[in-house]
């Protein structure tokens, strides 16, 4: 009378031990996650940070820059930590060097 219920049969103990996964499979998955983390997160971030460091090291007087806040200006003076940006004819702003986001091509401020 077991039309709707299938009977379950136990396997032998030797079959279960032979089919057990290798204990090293967890190390393979962990290594895979570390490689994915490195390729997708760590490497691009360090590359971006190195590019920003070189941008800040190469700032000079007369460069046209954009800051993180979106202010456009021409550099009048460069110190170790600060830059003076000429934003308008009679307006200079002293900003941290790290706030410079990008160096613009020459003539960008005149075209705006």
PDB file of N, CA and C in Angstrom:
ATOM      1  N   UNK A   1       0.789  -1.198   0.000  1.00  0.00           N
ATOM      2  CA  UNK A   1       0.000   0.000   0.000  1.00  0.00           C
ATOM      3  C   UNK A   1       0.832   1.264   0.000  1.00  0.00           C
ATOM      4  N   UNK A   2       1.979   1.202  -0.542  1.00  0.00           N
ATOM      5  CA  UNK A   2       2.826   2.399  -0.585  1.00  0.00           C
ATOM      6  C   UNK A   2       2.834   2.949  -2.008  1.00  0.00           C
ATOM      7  N   UNK A   3       1.673   3.353  -2.464  1.00  0.00           N
ATOM      8  CA  UNK A   3       1.580   3.906  -3.819  1.00  0.00           C
ATOM      9  C   UNK A   3       2.166   5.317  -3.898  1.00  0.00           C
ATOM     10  N   UNK A   4       1.973   6.129  -2.850  1.00  0.00           N
ATOM     11  CA  UNK A   4       2.365   7.539  -2.892  1.00  0.00           C
ATOM     12  C   UNK A   4       3.673   7.831  -2.159  1.00  0.00           C
ATOM     13  N   UNK A   5       4.172   6.909  -1.394  1.00  0.00           N
ATOM     14  CA  UNK A   5       5.388   7.121  -0.608  1.00  0.00           C
ATOM     15  C   UNK A   5       6.427   6.128  -1.081  1.00  0.00           C
ATOM     16  N   UNK A   6       7.594   6.668  -1.458  1.00  0.00           N
ATOM     17  CA  UNK A   6       8.680   5.791  -1.871  1.00  0.00           C
ATOM     18  C   UNK A   6       9.430   5.296  -0.647  1.00  0.00           C
ATOM     19  N   UNK A   7       9.905   4.117  -0.724  1.00  0.00           N
ATOM     20  CA  UNK A   7      10.690   3.572   0.374  1.00  0.00           C
ATOM     21  C   UNK A   7      12.110   4.101   0.279  1.00  0.00           C
ATOM     22  N   UNK A   8      12.699   4.444   1.430  1.00  0.00           N
ATOM     23  CA  UNK A   8      14.069   4.940   1.490  1.00  0.00           C
ATOM     24  C   UNK A   8      14.965   3.817   1.965  1.00  0.00           C
ATOM     25  N   UNK A   9      16.049   3.621   1.246  1.00  0.00           N
ATOM     26  CA  UNK A   9      16.979   2.572   1.609  1.00  0.00           C
ATOM     27  C   UNK A   9      18.307   3.213   2.004  1.00  0.00           C
ATOM     28  N   UNK A  10      18.882   2.765   3.071  1.00  0.00           N
ATOM     29  CA  UNK A  10      20.160   3.291   3.548  1.00  0.00           C
ATOM     30  C   UNK A  10      21.288   2.727   2.706  1.00  0.00           C
ATOM     31  N   UNK A  11      22.278   3.563   2.452  1.00  0.00           N
ATOM     32  CA  UNK A  11      23.450   3.114   1.708  1.00  0.00           C
ATOM     33  C   UNK A  11      24.463   2.523   2.671  1.00  0.00           C
ATOM     34  N   UNK A  12      25.338   1.792   2.129  1.00  0.00           N
ATOM     35  CA  UNK A  12      26.391   1.213   2.950  1.00  0.00           C
ATOM     36  C   UNK A  12      27.351   2.309   3.395  1.00  0.00           C
ATOM     37  N   UNK A  13      27.988   2.148   4.517  1.00  0.00           N
ATOM     38  CA  UNK A  13      28.884   3.155   5.071  1.00  0.00           C
ATOM     39  C   UNK A  13      30.093   3.384   4.170  1.00  0.00           C
ATOM     40  N   UNK A  14      30.572   2.392   3.510  1.00  0.00           N
ATOM     41  CA  UNK A  14      31.746   2.547   2.647  1.00  0.00           C
ATOM     42  C   UNK A  14      31.426   3.412   1.433  1.00  0.00           C
ATOM     43  N   UNK A  15      30.208   3.370   0.920  1.00  0.00           N
ATOM     44  CA  UNK A  15      29.819   4.206  -0.208  1.00  0.00           C
ATOM     45  C   UNK A  15      29.759   5.679   0.203  1.00  0.00           C
ATOM     46  N   UNK A  16      29.271   5.948   1.400  1.00  0.00           N
ATOM     47  CA  UNK A  16      29.161   7.330   1.866  1.00  0.00           C
ATOM     48  C   UNK A  16      30.545   7.927   2.094  1.00  0.00           C
ATOM     49  N   UNK A  17      31.475   7.144   2.613  1.00  0.00           N
ATOM     50  CA  UNK A  17      32.819   7.656   2.859  1.00  0.00           C
ATOM     51  C   UNK A  17      33.560   7.878   1.541  1.00  0.00           C
ATOM     52  N   UNK A  18      33.299   7.087   0.556  1.00  0.00           N
ATOM     53  CA  UNK A  18      33.976   7.226  -0.727  1.00  0.00           C
ATOM     54  C   UNK A  18      33.502   8.476  -1.471  1.00  0.00           C
ATOM     55  N   UNK A  19      32.285   8.930  -1.230  1.00  0.00           N
ATOM     56  CA  UNK A  19      31.739  10.078  -1.931  1.00  0.00           C
ATOM     57  C   UNK A  19      31.888  11.380  -1.139  1.00  0.00           C
ATOM     58  N   UNK A  20      32.545  11.374  -0.003  1.00  0.00           N
ATOM     59  CA  UNK A  20      32.718  12.588   0.796  1.00  0.00           C
ATOM     60  C   UNK A  20      33.633  13.558   0.047  1.00  0.00           C
ATOM     61  N   UNK A  21      33.317  14.867   0.086  1.00  0.00           N
ATOM     62  CA  UNK A  21      34.151  15.844  -0.613  1.00  0.00           C
ATOM     63  C   UNK A  21      35.506  15.999   0.074  1.00  0.00           C
ATOM     64  N   UNK A  22      36.451  16.432  -0.686  1.00  0.00           N
ATOM     65  CA  UNK A  22      37.806  16.627  -0.183  1.00  0.00           C
ATOM     66  C   UNK A  22      37.829  17.791   0.814  1.00  0.00           C
ATOM     67  N   UNK A  23      38.592  17.699   1.877  1.00  0.00           N
ATOM     68  CA  UNK A  23      38.661  18.819   2.830  1.00  0.00           C
ATOM     69  C   UNK A  23      39.384  20.032   2.244  1.00  0.00           C
ATOM     70  N   UNK A  24      40.098  19.876   1.153  1.00  0.00           N
ATOM     71  CA  UNK A  24      40.825  20.982   0.541  1.00  0.00           C
ATOM     72  C   UNK A  24      39.939  21.849  -0.351  1.00  0.00           C
ATOM     73  N   UNK A  25      38.716  21.444  -0.578  1.00  0.00           N
ATOM     74  CA  UNK A  25      37.822  22.220  -1.439  1.00  0.00           C
ATOM     75  C   UNK A  25      37.516  23.578  -0.821  1.00  0.00           C
ATOM     76  N   UNK A  26      37.473  23.657   0.520  1.00  0.00           N
ATOM     77  CA  UNK A  26      37.234  24.940   1.184  1.00  0.00           C
ATOM     78  C   UNK A  26      38.400  25.898   0.949  1.00  0.00           C
ATOM     79  N   UNK A  27      39.620  25.370   0.926  1.00  0.00           N
ATOM     80  CA  UNK A  27      40.777  26.222   0.649  1.00  0.00           C
ATOM     81  C   UNK A  27      40.761  26.734  -0.785  1.00  0.00           C
ATOM     82  N   UNK A  28      40.293  25.917  -1.699  1.00  0.00           N
ATOM     83  CA  UNK A  28      40.193  26.340  -3.097  1.00  0.00           C
ATOM     84  C   UNK A  28      39.178  27.476  -3.223  1.00  0.00           C
ATOM     85  N   UNK A  29      38.029  27.367  -2.556  1.00  0.00           N
ATOM     86  CA  UNK A  29      37.027  28.428  -2.606  1.00  0.00           C
ATOM     87  C   UNK A  29      37.544  29.707  -1.946  1.00  0.00           C
ATOM     88  N   UNK A  30      38.234  29.587  -0.820  1.00  0.00           N
ATOM     89  CA  UNK A  30      38.792  30.745  -0.144  1.00  0.00           C
ATOM     90  C   UNK A  30      39.823  31.437  -1.033  1.00  0.00           C
ATOM     91  N   UNK A  31      40.682  30.664  -1.670  1.00  0.00           N
ATOM     92  CA  UNK A  31      41.655  31.240  -2.594  1.00  0.00           C
ATOM     93  C   UNK A  31      40.988  31.941  -3.763  1.00  0.00           C
ATOM     94  N   UNK A  32      39.915  31.360  -4.273  1.00  0.00           N
ATOM     95  CA  UNK A  32      39.170  31.990  -5.363  1.00  0.00           C
ATOM     96  C   UNK A  32      38.569  33.320  -4.950  1.00  0.00           C
ATOM     97  N   UNK A  33      38.029  33.384  -3.734  1.00  0.00           N
ATOM     98  CA  UNK A  33      37.465  34.644  -3.245  1.00  0.00           C
ATOM     99  C   UNK A  33      38.541  35.702  -3.060  1.00  0.00           C
ATOM    100  N   UNK A  34      39.712  35.312  -2.587  1.00  0.00           N
ATOM    101  CA  UNK A  34      40.799  36.264  -2.411  1.00  0.00           C
ATOM    102  C   UNK A  34      41.237  36.810  -3.764  1.00  0.00           C
ATOM    103  N   UNK A  35      41.336  35.973  -4.767  1.00  0.00           N
ATOM    104  CA  UNK A  35      41.736  36.418  -6.106  1.00  0.00           C
ATOM    105  C   UNK A  35      40.689  37.362  -6.693  1.00  0.00           C
ATOM    106  N   UNK A  36      39.428  37.034  -6.541  1.00  0.00           N
ATOM    107  CA  UNK A  36      38.357  37.908  -7.047  1.00  0.00           C
ATOM    108  C   UNK A  36      38.383  39.245  -6.325  1.00  0.00           C
ATOM    109  N   UNK A  37      38.548  39.226  -5.001  1.00  0.00           N
ATOM    110  CA  UNK A  37      38.627  40.467  -4.224  1.00  0.00           C
ATOM    111  C   UNK A  37      39.786  41.330  -4.705  1.00  0.00           C
ATOM    112  N   UNK A  38      40.936  40.715  -4.937  1.00  0.00           N
ATOM    113  CA  UNK A  38      42.110  41.461  -5.393  1.00  0.00           C
ATOM    114  C   UNK A  38      41.873  42.084  -6.766  1.00  0.00           C
ATOM    115  N   UNK A  39      41.346  41.303  -7.694  1.00  0.00           N
ATOM    116  CA  UNK A  39      41.178  41.791  -9.069  1.00  0.00           C
ATOM    117  C   UNK A  39      40.074  42.834  -9.202  1.00  0.00           C
ATOM    118  N   UNK A  40      39.011  42.719  -8.423  1.00  0.00           N
ATOM    119  CA  UNK A  40      37.874  43.622  -8.588  1.00  0.00           C
ATOM    120  C   UNK A  40      37.902  44.841  -7.681  1.00  0.00           C
ATOM    121  N   UNK A  41      38.561  44.749  -6.530  1.00  0.00           N
ATOM    122  CA  UNK A  41      38.489  45.852  -5.580  1.00  0.00           C
ATOM    123  C   UNK A  41      39.858  46.465  -5.292  1.00  0.00           C
ATOM    124  N   UNK A  42      40.781  45.660  -4.849  1.00  0.00           N
ATOM    125  CA  UNK A  42      42.039  46.192  -4.344  1.00  0.00           C
ATOM    126  C   UNK A  42      42.909  46.790  -5.451  1.00  0.00           C
ATOM    127  N   UNK A  43      43.112  46.082  -6.522  1.00  0.00           N
ATOM    128  CA  UNK A  43      44.003  46.530  -7.600  1.00  0.00           C
ATOM    129  C   UNK A  43      43.514  47.811  -8.276  1.00  0.00           C
ATOM    130  N   UNK A  44      42.240  47.917  -8.679  1.00  0.00           N
ATOM    131  CA  UNK A  44      41.803  49.174  -9.306  1.00  0.00           C
ATOM    132  C   UNK A  44      41.882  50.372  -8.355  1.00  0.00           C
ATOM    133  N   UNK A  45      41.604  50.151  -7.062  1.00  0.00           N
ATOM    134  CA  UNK A  45      41.664  51.252  -6.111  1.00  0.00           C
ATOM    135  C   UNK A  45      43.094  51.742  -5.927  1.00  0.00           C
ATOM    136  N   UNK A  46      44.042  50.839  -5.841  1.00  0.00           N
ATOM    137  CA  UNK A  46      45.438  51.256  -5.675  1.00  0.00           C
ATOM    138  C   UNK A  46      45.955  51.936  -6.945  1.00  0.00           C
ATOM    139  N   UNK A  47      45.497  51.495  -8.091  1.00  0.00           N
ATOM    140  CA  UNK A  47      45.891  52.137  -9.344  1.00  0.00           C
ATOM    141  C   UNK A  47      45.361  53.570  -9.406  1.00  0.00           C
ATOM    142  N   UNK A  48      44.109  53.762  -9.005  1.00  0.00           N
ATOM    143  CA  UNK A  48      43.505  55.091  -8.983  1.00  0.00           C
ATOM    144  C   UNK A  48      44.231  56.000  -7.989  1.00  0.00           C
ATOM    145  N   UNK A  49      44.610  55.462  -6.826  1.00  0.00           N
ATOM    146  CA  UNK A  49      45.320  56.255  -5.829  1.00  0.00           C
ATOM    147  C   UNK A  49      46.698  56.671  -6.339  1.00  0.00           C
ATOM    148  N   UNK A  50      47.388  55.784  -7.036  1.00  0.00           N
ATOM    149  CA  UNK A  50      48.701  56.130  -7.591  1.00  0.00           C
ATOM    150  C   UNK A  50      48.593  57.195  -8.669  1.00  0.00           C
ATOM    151  N   UNK A  51      47.554  57.141  -9.484  1.00  0.00           N
ATOM    152  CA  UNK A  51      47.351  58.166 -10.509  1.00  0.00           C
ATOM    153  C   UNK A  51      47.090  59.525  -9.870  1.00  0.00           C
ATOM    154  N   UNK A  52      46.312  59.547  -8.783  1.00  0.00           N
ATOM    155  CA  UNK A  52      46.018  60.806  -8.097  1.00  0.00           C
ATOM    156  C   UNK A  52      47.277  61.372  -7.441  1.00  0.00           C
ATOM    157  N   UNK A  53      48.123  60.509  -6.871  1.00  0.00           N
ATOM    158  CA  UNK A  53      49.383  60.968  -6.277  1.00  0.00           C
ATOM    159  C   UNK A  53      50.280  61.607  -7.327  1.00  0.00           C
ATOM    160  N   UNK A  54      50.372  60.992  -8.486  1.00  0.00           N
ATOM    161  CA  UNK A  54      51.214  61.562  -9.546  1.00  0.00           C
ATOM    162  C   UNK A  54      50.619  62.864 -10.079  1.00  0.00           C
ATOM    163  N   UNK A  55      49.295  62.973 -10.124  1.00  0.00           N
ATOM    164  CA  UNK A  55      48.645  64.215 -10.541  1.00  0.00           C
ATOM    165  C   UNK A  55      48.996  65.335  -9.571  1.00  0.00           C
ATOM    166  N   UNK A  56      48.929  65.058  -8.264  1.00  0.00           N
ATOM    167  CA  UNK A  56      49.239  66.077  -7.265  1.00  0.00           C
ATOM    168  C   UNK A  56      50.719  66.449  -7.286  1.00  0.00           C
ATOM    169  N   UNK A  57      51.578  65.498  -7.559  1.00  0.00           N
ATOM    170  CA  UNK A  57      53.013  65.784  -7.594  1.00  0.00           C
ATOM    171  C   UNK A  57      53.386  66.644  -8.799  1.00  0.00           C
ATOM    172  N   UNK A  58      52.629  66.582  -9.873  1.00  0.00           N
ATOM    173  CA  UNK A  58      52.956  67.311 -11.101  1.00  0.00           C
ATOM    174  C   UNK A  58      52.204  68.628 -11.245  1.00  0.00           C
ATOM    175  N   UNK A  59      51.518  69.082 -10.203  1.00  0.00           N
ATOM    176  CA  UNK A  59      50.831  70.374 -10.287  1.00  0.00           C
ATOM    177  C   UNK A  59      51.854  71.496 -10.351  1.00  0.00           C
ATOM    178  N   UNK A  60      51.576  72.482 -11.193  1.00  0.00           N
ATOM    179  CA  UNK A  60      52.478  73.624 -11.310  1.00  0.00           C
ATOM    180  C   UNK A  60      51.665  74.887 -11.551  1.00  0.00           C
ATOM    181  N   UNK A  61      52.340  76.013 -11.421  1.00  0.00           N
ATOM    182  CA  UNK A  61      51.689  77.307 -11.607  1.00  0.00           C
ATOM    183  C   UNK A  61      51.200  77.426 -13.051  1.00  0.00           C
ATOM    184  N   UNK A  62      49.969  77.897 -13.218  1.00  0.00           N
ATOM    185  CA  UNK A  62      49.391  78.077 -14.543  1.00  0.00           C
ATOM    186  C   UNK A  62      48.495  76.937 -14.989  1.00  0.00           C
ATOM    187  N   UNK A  63      48.498  75.822 -14.258  1.00  0.00           N
ATOM    188  CA  UNK A  63      47.614  74.702 -14.615  1.00  0.00           C
ATOM    189  C   UNK A  63      46.164  75.066 -14.317  1.00  0.00           C
ATOM    190  N   UNK A  64      45.281  74.646 -15.196  1.00  0.00           N
ATOM    191  CA  UNK A  64      43.851  74.824 -14.976  1.00  0.00           C
ATOM    192  C   UNK A  64      43.322  73.525 -14.401  1.00  0.00           C
ATOM    193  N   UNK A  65      42.646  73.627 -13.237  1.00  0.00           N
ATOM    194  CA  UNK A  65      42.231  72.431 -12.506  1.00  0.00           C
ATOM    195  C   UNK A  65      40.765  72.511 -12.114  1.00  0.00           C
ATOM    196  N   UNK A  66      40.235  71.345 -11.765  1.00  0.00           N
ATOM    197  CA  UNK A  66      38.901  71.238 -11.191  1.00  0.00           C
ATOM    198  C   UNK A  66      39.052  70.557  -9.838  1.00  0.00           C
ATOM    199  N   UNK A  67      38.386  71.084  -8.820  1.00  0.00           N
ATOM    200  CA  UNK A  67      38.467  70.507  -7.487  1.00  0.00           C
ATOM    201  C   UNK A  67      37.364  69.471  -7.302  1.00  0.00           C
ATOM    202  N   UNK A  68      37.419  68.774  -6.169  1.00  0.00           N
ATOM    203  CA  UNK A  68      36.385  67.782  -5.859  1.00  0.00           C
ATOM    204  C   UNK A  68      35.007  68.412  -5.722  1.00  0.00           C
ATOM    205  N   UNK A  69      34.961  69.672  -5.332  1.00  0.00           N
ATOM    206  CA  UNK A  69      33.677  70.350  -5.171  1.00  0.00           C
ATOM    207  C   UNK A  69      33.168  70.945  -6.477  1.00  0.00           C
ATOM    208  N   UNK A  70      33.940  70.852  -7.554  1.00  0.00           N
ATOM    209  CA  UNK A  70      33.494  71.331  -8.859  1.00  0.00           C
ATOM    210  C   UNK A  70      33.952  72.733  -9.189  1.00  0.00           C
ATOM    211  N   UNK A  71      34.802  73.311  -8.372  1.00  0.00           N
ATOM    212  CA  UNK A  71      35.310  74.657  -8.637  1.00  0.00           C
ATOM    213  C   UNK A  71      36.419  74.581  -9.683  1.00  0.00           C
ATOM    214  N   UNK A  72      36.309  75.434 -10.701  1.00  0.00           N
ATOM    215  CA  UNK A  72      37.323  75.510 -11.747  1.00  0.00           C
ATOM    216  C   UNK A  72      38.194  76.723 -11.494  1.00  0.00           C
ATOM    217  N   UNK A  73      39.502  76.588 -11.702  1.00  0.00           N
ATOM    218  CA  UNK A  73      40.387  77.722 -11.500  1.00  0.00           C
ATOM    219  C   UNK A  73      41.768  77.454 -12.041  1.00  0.00           C
ATOM    220  N   UNK A  74      42.576  78.514 -12.024  1.00  0.00           N
ATOM    221  CA  UNK A  74      43.960  78.434 -12.482  1.00  0.00           C
ATOM    222  C   UNK A  74      44.860  78.544 -11.254  1.00  0.00           C
ATOM    223  N   UNK A  75      45.880  77.711 -11.192  1.00  0.00           N
ATOM    224  CA  UNK A  75      46.782  77.697 -10.042  1.00  0.00           C
ATOM    225  C   UNK A  75      47.746  78.878 -10.143  1.00  0.00           C
ATOM    226  N   UNK A  76      47.798  79.677  -9.051  1.00  0.00           N
ATOM    227  CA  UNK A  76      48.739  80.791  -8.987  1.00  0.00           C
ATOM    228  C   UNK A  76      49.948  80.462  -8.122  1.00  0.00           C
ATOM    229  N   UNK A  77      49.775  79.595  -7.133  1.00  0.00           N
ATOM    230  CA  UNK A  77      50.860  79.267  -6.228  1.00  0.00           C
ATOM    231  C   UNK A  77      50.678  77.839  -5.732  1.00  0.00           C
ATOM    232  N   UNK A  78      51.780  77.096  -5.640  1.00  0.00           N
ATOM    233  CA  UNK A  78      51.742  75.714  -5.172  1.00  0.00           C
ATOM    234  C   UNK A  78      52.663  75.587  -3.964  1.00  0.00           C
ATOM    235  N   UNK A  79      52.124  75.126  -2.839  1.00  0.00           N
ATOM    236  CA  UNK A  79      52.912  74.817  -1.644  1.00  0.00           C
ATOM    237  C   UNK A  79      52.927  73.312  -1.475  1.00  0.00           C
ATOM    238  N   UNK A  80      53.482  72.860  -0.342  1.00  0.00           N
ATOM    239  CA  UNK A  80      53.511  71.427  -0.069  1.00  0.00           C
ATOM    240  C   UNK A  80      52.110  70.861   0.144  1.00  0.00           C
ATOM    241  N   UNK A  81      51.268  71.610   0.876  1.00  0.00           N
ATOM    242  CA  UNK A  81      49.931  71.107   1.200  1.00  0.00           C
ATOM    243  C   UNK A  81      48.802  71.896   0.552  1.00  0.00           C
ATOM    244  N   UNK A  82      49.074  73.130   0.108  1.00  0.00           N
ATOM    245  CA  UNK A  82      48.013  73.998  -0.387  1.00  0.00           C
ATOM    246  C   UNK A  82      48.322  74.536  -1.780  1.00  0.00           C
ATOM    247  N   UNK A  83      47.256  74.925  -2.480  1.00  0.00           N
ATOM    248  CA  UNK A  83      47.375  75.622  -3.762  1.00  0.00           C
ATOM    249  C   UNK A  83      46.480  76.856  -3.713  1.00  0.00           C
ATOM    250  N   UNK A  84      46.902  77.924  -4.387  1.00  0.00           N
ATOM    251  CA  UNK A  84      46.067  79.105  -4.538  1.00  0.00           C
ATOM    252  C   UNK A  84      45.429  79.055  -5.917  1.00  0.00           C
ATOM    253  N   UNK A  85      44.104  79.040  -5.946  1.00  0.00           N
ATOM    254  CA  UNK A  85      43.370  78.998  -7.208  1.00  0.00           C
ATOM    255  C   UNK A  85      42.806  80.372  -7.518  1.00  0.00           C
ATOM    256  N   UNK A  86      43.050  80.848  -8.715  1.00  0.00           N
ATOM    257  CA  UNK A  86      42.414  82.080  -9.165  1.00  0.00           C
ATOM    258  C   UNK A  86      41.114  81.672  -9.845  1.00  0.00           C
ATOM    259  N   UNK A  87      40.006  82.000  -9.191  1.00  0.00           N
ATOM    260  CA  UNK A  87      38.693  81.603  -9.679  1.00  0.00           C
ATOM    261  C   UNK A  87      38.099  82.684 -10.563  1.00  0.00           C
ATOM    262  N   UNK A  88      38.307  83.944 -10.186  1.00  0.00           N
ATOM    263  CA  UNK A  88      37.841  85.083 -10.975  1.00  0.00           C
ATOM    264  C   UNK A  88      38.980  86.104 -11.004  1.00  0.00           C
ATOM    265  N   UNK A  89      38.719  87.278 -11.606  1.00  0.00           N
ATOM    266  CA  UNK A  89      39.780  88.275 -11.751  1.00  0.00           C
ATOM    267  C   UNK A  89      40.353  88.704 -10.404  1.00  0.00           C
ATOM    268  N   UNK A  90      39.523  88.972  -9.437  1.00  0.00           N
ATOM    269  CA  UNK A  90      40.009  89.458  -8.142  1.00  0.00           C
ATOM    270  C   UNK A  90      39.701  88.470  -7.019  1.00  0.00           C
ATOM    271  N   UNK A  91      39.605  87.210  -7.329  1.00  0.00           N
ATOM    272  CA  UNK A  91      39.229  86.229  -6.316  1.00  0.00           C
ATOM    273  C   UNK A  91      40.170  85.033  -6.354  1.00  0.00           C
ATOM    274  N   UNK A  92      40.880  84.832  -5.244  1.00  0.00           N
ATOM    275  CA  UNK A  92      41.743  83.658  -5.105  1.00  0.00           C
ATOM    276  C   UNK A  92      41.269  82.840  -3.914  1.00  0.00           C
ATOM    277  N   UNK A  93      41.310  81.526  -4.082  1.00  0.00           N
ATOM    278  CA  UNK A  93      40.950  80.608  -3.012  1.00  0.00           C
ATOM    279  C   UNK A  93      42.154  79.753  -2.658  1.00  0.00           C
ATOM    280  N   UNK A  94      42.377  79.601  -1.363  1.00  0.00           N
ATOM    281  CA  UNK A  94      43.452  78.724  -0.914  1.00  0.00           C
ATOM    282  C   UNK A  94      42.810  77.390  -0.558  1.00  0.00           C
ATOM    283  N   UNK A  95      43.229  76.331  -1.230  1.00  0.00           N
ATOM    284  CA  UNK A  95      42.622  75.014  -1.037  1.00  0.00           C
ATOM    285  C   UNK A  95      43.708  73.981  -0.779  1.00  0.00           C
ATOM    286  N   UNK A  96      43.299  72.879  -0.179  1.00  0.00           N
ATOM    287  CA  UNK A  96      44.230  71.789   0.017  1.00  0.00           C
ATOM    288  C   UNK A  96      44.580  71.175  -1.330  1.00  0.00           C
ATOM    289  N   UNK A  97      45.798  70.740  -1.432  1.00  0.00           N
ATOM    290  CA  UNK A  97      46.266  70.142  -2.679  1.00  0.00           C
ATOM    291  C   UNK A  97      45.485  68.861  -2.997  1.00  0.00           C
ATOM    292  N   UNK A  98      45.110  68.113  -1.968  1.00  0.00           N
ATOM    293  CA  UNK A  98      44.400  66.846  -2.168  1.00  0.00           C
ATOM    294  C   UNK A  98      42.995  67.042  -2.724  1.00  0.00           C
ATOM    295  N   UNK A  99      42.473  68.263  -2.654  1.00  0.00           N
ATOM    296  CA  UNK A  99      41.123  68.498  -3.173  1.00  0.00           C
ATOM    297  C   UNK A  99      41.096  68.671  -4.687  1.00  0.00           C
ATOM    298  N   UNK A 100      42.249  68.721  -5.325  1.00  0.00           N
ATOM    299  CA  UNK A 100      42.299  68.819  -6.788  1.00  0.00           C
ATOM    300  C   UNK A 100      41.937  67.462  -7.381  1.00  0.00           C
ATOM    301  N   UNK A 101      40.906  67.449  -8.209  1.00  0.00           N
ATOM    302  CA  UNK A 101      40.422  66.189  -8.782  1.00  0.00           C
ATOM    303  C   UNK A 101      41.001  65.922 -10.164  1.00  0.00           C
ATOM    304  N   UNK A 102      41.184  66.975 -10.970  1.00  0.00           N
ATOM    305  CA  UNK A 102      41.644  66.758 -12.341  1.00  0.00           C
ATOM    306  C   UNK A 102      42.333  68.013 -12.865  1.00  0.00           C
ATOM    307  N   UNK A 103      43.273  67.798 -13.745  1.00  0.00           N
ATOM    308  CA  UNK A 103      43.916  68.896 -14.466  1.00  0.00           C
ATOM    309  C   UNK A 103      43.217  69.000 -15.819  1.00  0.00           C
ATOM    310  N   UNK A 104      42.770  70.201 -16.143  1.00  0.00           N
ATOM    311  CA  UNK A 104      42.035  70.429 -17.388  1.00  0.00           C
ATOM    312  C   UNK A 104      42.991  70.840 -18.497  1.00  0.00           C
ATOM    313  N   UNK A 105      42.606  70.630 -19.751  1.00  0.00           N
ATOM    314  CA  UNK A 105      43.445  71.098 -20.866  1.00  0.00           C
ATOM    315  C   UNK A 105      43.532  72.627 -20.878  1.00  0.00           C
ATOM    316  N   UNK A 106      44.652  73.141 -21.371  1.00  0.00           N
ATOM    317  CA  UNK A 106      44.840  74.601 -21.428  1.00  0.00           C
ATOM    318  C   UNK A 106      43.745  75.241 -22.267  1.00  0.00           C
ATOM    319  N   UNK A 107      43.243  76.371 -21.798  1.00  0.00           N
ATOM    320  CA  UNK A 107      42.213  77.097 -22.520  1.00  0.00           C
ATOM    321  C   UNK A 107      40.793  76.704 -22.164  1.00  0.00           C
ATOM    322  N   UNK A 108      40.624  75.782 -21.253  1.00  0.00           N
ATOM    323  CA  UNK A 108      39.279  75.335 -20.880  1.00  0.00           C
ATOM    324  C   UNK A 108      38.508  76.456 -20.182  1.00  0.00           C
ATOM    325  N   UNK A 109      39.174  77.222 -19.315  1.00  0.00           N
ATOM    326  CA  UNK A 109      38.489  78.280 -18.574  1.00  0.00           C
ATOM    327  C   UNK A 109      38.029  79.394 -19.497  1.00  0.00           C
ATOM    328  N   UNK A 110      38.770  79.684 -20.548  1.00  0.00           N
ATOM    329  CA  UNK A 110      38.354  80.732 -21.493  1.00  0.00           C
ATOM    330  C   UNK A 110      37.169  80.287 -22.332  1.00  0.00           C
ATOM    331  N   UNK A 111      37.058  79.003 -22.586  1.00  0.00           N
ATOM    332  CA  UNK A 111      35.969  78.524 -23.438  1.00  0.00           C
ATOM    333  C   UNK A 111      34.651  78.411 -22.695  1.00  0.00           C
ATOM    334  N   UNK A 112      34.700  78.469 -21.369  1.00  0.00           N
ATOM    335  CA  UNK A 112      33.450  78.324 -20.593  1.00  0.00           C
ATOM    336  C   UNK A 112      32.768  79.647 -20.447  1.00  0.00           C
TER     337      UNK A 112
END
